[in-house]
Amino acid sequence: MGSDKITHFSNKADHDAFVAANNYLTVIDFHATWCGPCLQIAPIYDKLAEEHEDVKFTKVDVDAAPDVAQHYQISAMPTFVFLKDGKEVDRLRGANPPALTAAIAKNKA
């Protein structure tokens, strides 16, 4: 289930290697399996990953990879972190499809 265009991270080492090797806009979806809003926005995130082939979409389950969540100081889910050249350029908290779509468009430019 979900898009095969999304990379899932379960530890900081894999995340760090991916970010270091990637100069595309990267979106990280910090989520949890028990988070209702996370489950609601998941199919929309999958669809966005299919539509924006020039953007790297990733997911981090905060319970499975707490070190990655801690690195970004994630305190609420879902939180979407936007990276360019390995640096955070934007952040969106909450399951808001129009805001997520707009943030992707804004940060791709």
N, C-alpha and C. Protein backbone atom coordinates (compact mmCIF):
# COMPACT_ATOMS: atom_id res chain seq x y z
N MET A 1 0.84 -1.18 0.00
CA MET A 1 0.00 0.00 0.00
C MET A 1 0.88 1.24 0.00
N GLY A 2 0.40 2.33 -0.63
CA GLY A 2 1.18 3.55 -0.71
C GLY A 2 1.98 3.60 -1.99
N SER A 3 2.56 4.74 -2.22
CA SER A 3 3.32 4.96 -3.44
C SER A 3 4.72 4.36 -3.35
N ASP A 4 5.18 3.80 -4.46
CA ASP A 4 6.55 3.30 -4.49
C ASP A 4 7.53 4.44 -4.73
N LYS A 5 7.03 5.66 -4.87
CA LYS A 5 7.88 6.83 -5.04
C LYS A 5 8.30 7.43 -3.70
N ILE A 6 7.86 6.82 -2.60
CA ILE A 6 8.15 7.34 -1.27
C ILE A 6 9.20 6.46 -0.59
N THR A 7 10.24 7.09 -0.07
CA THR A 7 11.28 6.38 0.66
C THR A 7 10.96 6.44 2.15
N HIS A 8 11.02 5.29 2.80
CA HIS A 8 10.73 5.21 4.24
C HIS A 8 12.05 5.06 5.00
N PHE A 9 12.19 5.81 6.08
CA PHE A 9 13.39 5.73 6.92
C PHE A 9 13.03 5.18 8.28
N SER A 10 13.87 4.27 8.76
CA SER A 10 13.68 3.74 10.11
C SER A 10 14.86 4.04 11.02
N ASN A 11 15.86 4.76 10.47
CA ASN A 11 16.99 5.17 11.33
C ASN A 11 17.67 6.41 10.74
N LYS A 12 18.40 7.08 11.59
CA LYS A 12 19.01 8.35 11.21
C LYS A 12 20.14 8.17 10.19
N ALA A 13 20.86 7.06 10.28
CA ALA A 13 21.96 6.83 9.34
C ALA A 13 21.45 6.76 7.90
N ASP A 14 20.38 6.00 7.66
CA ASP A 14 19.80 5.92 6.32
C ASP A 14 19.28 7.27 5.86
N HIS A 15 18.61 7.97 6.77
CA HIS A 15 18.08 9.31 6.46
C HIS A 15 19.23 10.24 6.08
N ASP A 16 20.27 10.28 6.89
CA ASP A 16 21.39 11.19 6.64
C ASP A 16 22.07 10.89 5.31
N ALA A 17 22.23 9.61 4.98
CA ALA A 17 22.86 9.23 3.71
C ALA A 17 21.99 9.68 2.53
N PHE A 18 20.69 9.51 2.64
CA PHE A 18 19.77 9.92 1.58
C PHE A 18 19.83 11.43 1.38
N VAL A 19 19.77 12.18 2.46
CA VAL A 19 19.78 13.65 2.38
C VAL A 19 21.11 14.14 1.80
N ALA A 20 22.22 13.55 2.21
CA ALA A 20 23.53 13.96 1.73
C ALA A 20 23.70 13.71 0.23
N ALA A 21 23.06 12.67 -0.28
CA ALA A 21 23.21 12.28 -1.68
C ALA A 21 22.18 12.93 -2.60
N ASN A 22 21.39 13.83 -2.07
CA ASN A 22 20.23 14.32 -2.80
C ASN A 22 20.18 15.84 -2.78
N ASN A 23 20.14 16.46 -3.96
CA ASN A 23 20.02 17.92 -4.01
C ASN A 23 18.65 18.37 -4.51
N TYR A 24 17.71 17.45 -4.61
CA TYR A 24 16.33 17.79 -4.98
C TYR A 24 15.60 18.34 -3.76
N LEU A 25 14.46 18.98 -4.02
CA LEU A 25 13.56 19.29 -2.92
C LEU A 25 13.11 17.97 -2.33
N THR A 26 13.24 17.83 -1.03
CA THR A 26 12.84 16.63 -0.31
C THR A 26 11.78 17.00 0.71
N VAL A 27 10.70 16.23 0.75
CA VAL A 27 9.65 16.42 1.74
C VAL A 27 9.68 15.21 2.66
N ILE A 28 9.75 15.48 3.97
CA ILE A 28 9.71 14.41 4.96
C ILE A 28 8.38 14.49 5.69
N ASP A 29 7.64 13.40 5.65
CA ASP A 29 6.37 13.28 6.37
C ASP A 29 6.63 12.55 7.68
N PHE A 30 6.60 13.30 8.78
CA PHE A 30 6.73 12.68 10.11
C PHE A 30 5.34 12.29 10.57
N HIS A 31 5.15 10.99 10.80
CA HIS A 31 3.82 10.47 11.11
C HIS A 31 3.92 9.38 12.17
N ALA A 32 2.76 8.89 12.59
CA ALA A 32 2.68 7.76 13.51
C ALA A 32 1.50 6.90 13.10
N THR A 33 1.62 5.60 13.33
CA THR A 33 0.57 4.67 12.91
C THR A 33 -0.73 4.91 13.68
N TRP A 34 -0.65 5.49 14.86
CA TRP A 34 -1.83 5.73 15.71
C TRP A 34 -2.42 7.12 15.50
N CYS A 35 -1.87 7.89 14.59
CA CYS A 35 -2.28 9.29 14.38
C CYS A 35 -3.38 9.37 13.32
N GLY A 36 -4.60 9.72 13.75
CA GLY A 36 -5.73 9.82 12.82
C GLY A 36 -5.51 10.78 11.67
N PRO A 37 -5.09 12.03 11.93
CA PRO A 37 -4.85 12.96 10.83
C PRO A 37 -3.75 12.47 9.87
N CYS A 38 -2.76 11.75 10.41
CA CYS A 38 -1.71 11.18 9.55
C CYS A 38 -2.30 10.18 8.56
N LEU A 39 -3.19 9.34 9.06
CA LEU A 39 -3.83 8.34 8.21
C LEU A 39 -4.72 9.00 7.16
N GLN A 40 -5.35 10.12 7.52
CA GLN A 40 -6.23 10.82 6.59
C GLN A 40 -5.46 11.46 5.44
N ILE A 41 -4.28 12.00 5.72
CA ILE A 41 -3.54 12.70 4.66
C ILE A 41 -2.63 11.75 3.87
N ALA A 42 -2.41 10.54 4.35
CA ALA A 42 -1.50 9.60 3.69
C ALA A 42 -1.82 9.38 2.21
N PRO A 43 -3.09 9.14 1.82
CA PRO A 43 -3.35 8.93 0.39
C PRO A 43 -3.09 10.19 -0.45
N ILE A 44 -3.26 11.35 0.15
CA ILE A 44 -2.99 12.61 -0.56
C ILE A 44 -1.48 12.76 -0.75
N TYR A 45 -0.71 12.44 0.28
CA TYR A 45 0.75 12.49 0.19
C TYR A 45 1.23 11.51 -0.89
N ASP A 46 0.64 10.31 -0.93
CA ASP A 46 0.99 9.33 -1.97
C ASP A 46 0.71 9.90 -3.36
N LYS A 47 -0.43 10.55 -3.52
CA LYS A 47 -0.80 11.13 -4.82
C LYS A 47 0.16 12.24 -5.22
N LEU A 48 0.53 13.09 -4.27
CA LEU A 48 1.49 14.16 -4.55
C LEU A 48 2.84 13.58 -4.98
N ALA A 49 3.25 12.48 -4.36
CA ALA A 49 4.51 11.84 -4.74
C ALA A 49 4.46 11.35 -6.19
N GLU A 50 3.31 10.85 -6.60
CA GLU A 50 3.16 10.39 -7.98
C GLU A 50 3.15 11.57 -8.96
N GLU A 51 2.60 12.70 -8.55
CA GLU A 51 2.45 13.87 -9.43
C GLU A 51 3.73 14.69 -9.57
N HIS A 52 4.59 14.68 -8.56
CA HIS A 52 5.79 15.53 -8.55
C HIS A 52 7.04 14.67 -8.60
N GLU A 53 7.39 14.23 -9.80
CA GLU A 53 8.54 13.34 -9.94
C GLU A 53 9.86 14.05 -9.69
N ASP A 54 9.85 15.38 -9.71
CA ASP A 54 11.07 16.16 -9.47
C ASP A 54 11.27 16.49 -7.99
N VAL A 55 10.44 15.91 -7.13
CA VAL A 55 10.54 16.10 -5.68
C VAL A 55 10.71 14.72 -5.06
N LYS A 56 11.56 14.63 -4.04
CA LYS A 56 11.75 13.37 -3.32
C LYS A 56 10.82 13.37 -2.10
N PHE A 57 9.98 12.37 -1.98
CA PHE A 57 9.04 12.24 -0.88
C PHE A 57 9.52 11.13 0.05
N THR A 58 9.58 11.42 1.34
CA THR A 58 10.03 10.44 2.31
C THR A 58 9.05 10.41 3.48
N LYS A 59 9.12 9.34 4.25
CA LYS A 59 8.28 9.20 5.45
C LYS A 59 9.14 8.71 6.60
N VAL A 60 8.82 9.21 7.78
CA VAL A 60 9.47 8.76 9.00
C VAL A 60 8.39 8.50 10.03
N ASP A 61 8.29 7.25 10.47
CA ASP A 61 7.41 6.90 11.58
C ASP A 61 8.14 7.31 12.86
N VAL A 62 7.58 8.26 13.59
CA VAL A 62 8.28 8.81 14.76
C VAL A 62 8.53 7.77 15.84
N ASP A 63 7.72 6.73 15.90
CA ASP A 63 7.92 5.67 16.89
C ASP A 63 9.02 4.70 16.46
N ALA A 64 9.16 4.48 15.15
CA ALA A 64 10.17 3.56 14.64
C ALA A 64 11.54 4.23 14.51
N ALA A 65 11.55 5.55 14.31
CA ALA A 65 12.81 6.28 14.12
C ALA A 65 12.82 7.55 14.98
N PRO A 66 12.79 7.37 16.31
CA PRO A 66 12.75 8.54 17.18
C PRO A 66 13.97 9.44 17.06
N ASP A 67 15.12 8.88 16.63
CA ASP A 67 16.31 9.70 16.48
C ASP A 67 16.15 10.71 15.36
N VAL A 68 15.47 10.34 14.28
CA VAL A 68 15.24 11.28 13.18
C VAL A 68 14.25 12.35 13.63
N ALA A 69 13.17 11.92 14.30
CA ALA A 69 12.18 12.88 14.79
C ALA A 69 12.81 13.86 15.78
N GLN A 70 13.67 13.36 16.63
CA GLN A 70 14.33 14.22 17.61
C GLN A 70 15.25 15.22 16.91
N HIS A 71 15.95 14.78 15.87
CA HIS A 71 16.85 15.66 15.12
C HIS A 71 16.10 16.89 14.59
N TYR A 72 14.87 16.67 14.13
CA TYR A 72 14.05 17.77 13.59
C TYR A 72 13.13 18.39 14.65
N GLN A 73 13.24 17.95 15.88
CA GLN A 73 12.43 18.48 16.99
C GLN A 73 10.93 18.41 16.68
N ILE A 74 10.49 17.24 16.25
CA ILE A 74 9.09 17.02 15.91
C ILE A 74 8.29 16.85 17.20
N SER A 75 7.24 17.67 17.34
CA SER A 75 6.42 17.60 18.55
C SER A 75 4.95 17.32 18.24
N ALA A 76 4.57 17.30 16.97
CA ALA A 76 3.19 17.03 16.58
C ALA A 76 3.21 16.31 15.23
N MET A 77 2.19 15.48 15.02
CA MET A 77 2.08 14.77 13.76
C MET A 77 0.71 15.04 13.14
N PRO A 78 0.67 15.08 11.81
CA PRO A 78 1.83 15.02 10.93
C PRO A 78 2.56 16.37 10.89
N THR A 79 3.85 16.29 10.69
CA THR A 79 4.67 17.46 10.39
C THR A 79 5.42 17.15 9.11
N PHE A 80 5.41 18.09 8.19
CA PHE A 80 6.11 17.95 6.92
C PHE A 80 7.29 18.92 6.92
N VAL A 81 8.49 18.38 6.73
CA VAL A 81 9.70 19.19 6.70
C VAL A 81 10.21 19.18 5.26
N PHE A 82 10.55 20.36 4.76
CA PHE A 82 11.02 20.54 3.39
C PHE A 82 12.51 20.85 3.42
N LEU A 83 13.29 20.08 2.66
CA LEU A 83 14.74 20.27 2.60
C LEU A 83 15.16 20.59 1.18
N LYS A 84 16.16 21.47 1.06
CA LYS A 84 16.85 21.71 -0.21
C LYS A 84 18.33 21.69 0.09
N ASP A 85 19.06 20.92 -0.68
CA ASP A 85 20.51 20.78 -0.46
C ASP A 85 20.82 20.43 0.99
N GLY A 86 19.98 19.59 1.59
CA GLY A 86 20.21 19.12 2.94
C GLY A 86 19.84 20.08 4.05
N LYS A 87 19.31 21.24 3.70
CA LYS A 87 18.95 22.24 4.70
C LYS A 87 17.44 22.45 4.73
N GLU A 88 16.89 22.62 5.94
CA GLU A 88 15.46 22.85 6.07
C GLU A 88 15.11 24.23 5.52
N VAL A 89 14.11 24.25 4.62
CA VAL A 89 13.67 25.52 4.03
C VAL A 89 12.23 25.85 4.39
N ASP A 90 11.49 24.87 4.91
CA ASP A 90 10.09 25.12 5.25
C ASP A 90 9.61 23.98 6.14
N ARG A 91 8.47 24.23 6.79
CA ARG A 91 7.87 23.24 7.69
C ARG A 91 6.38 23.50 7.73
N LEU A 92 5.61 22.44 7.74
CA LEU A 92 4.15 22.53 7.81
C LEU A 92 3.67 21.52 8.83
N ARG A 93 2.88 21.99 9.76
CA ARG A 93 2.34 21.09 10.79
C ARG A 93 0.85 20.92 10.55
N GLY A 94 0.38 19.68 10.61
CA GLY A 94 -1.04 19.40 10.46
C GLY A 94 -1.39 18.79 9.12
N ALA A 95 -2.56 18.16 9.08
CA ALA A 95 -3.05 17.49 7.88
C ALA A 95 -3.92 18.45 7.08
N ASN A 96 -3.27 19.31 6.31
CA ASN A 96 -3.95 20.34 5.54
C ASN A 96 -3.56 20.18 4.07
N PRO A 97 -4.34 19.42 3.28
CA PRO A 97 -3.95 19.14 1.90
C PRO A 97 -3.68 20.38 1.05
N PRO A 98 -4.54 21.43 1.08
CA PRO A 98 -4.22 22.60 0.26
C PRO A 98 -2.91 23.28 0.67
N ALA A 99 -2.64 23.35 1.96
CA ALA A 99 -1.39 23.96 2.43
C ALA A 99 -0.18 23.12 2.03
N LEU A 100 -0.31 21.80 2.09
CA LEU A 100 0.78 20.91 1.68
C LEU A 100 1.06 21.06 0.19
N THR A 101 0.03 21.07 -0.61
CA THR A 101 0.18 21.24 -2.06
C THR A 101 0.85 22.58 -2.37
N ALA A 102 0.41 23.64 -1.69
CA ALA A 102 0.97 24.98 -1.90
C ALA A 102 2.44 25.03 -1.47
N ALA A 103 2.77 24.39 -0.36
CA ALA A 103 4.14 24.41 0.13
C ALA A 103 5.08 23.68 -0.83
N ILE A 104 4.61 22.59 -1.42
CA ILE A 104 5.42 21.88 -2.41
C ILE A 104 5.68 22.78 -3.60
N ALA A 105 4.63 23.41 -4.11
CA ALA A 105 4.78 24.30 -5.27
C ALA A 105 5.72 25.46 -4.96
N LYS A 106 5.55 26.06 -3.80
CA LYS A 106 6.37 27.21 -3.41
C LYS A 106 7.85 26.82 -3.29
N ASN A 107 8.12 25.67 -2.69
CA ASN A 107 9.50 25.28 -2.44
C ASN A 107 10.18 24.64 -3.65
N LYS A 108 9.41 24.24 -4.65
CA LYS A 108 9.99 23.73 -5.89
C LYS A 108 10.57 24.87 -6.72
N ALA A 109 9.99 26.04 -6.57
CA ALA A 109 10.38 27.20 -7.40
C ALA A 109 11.79 27.66 -7.12
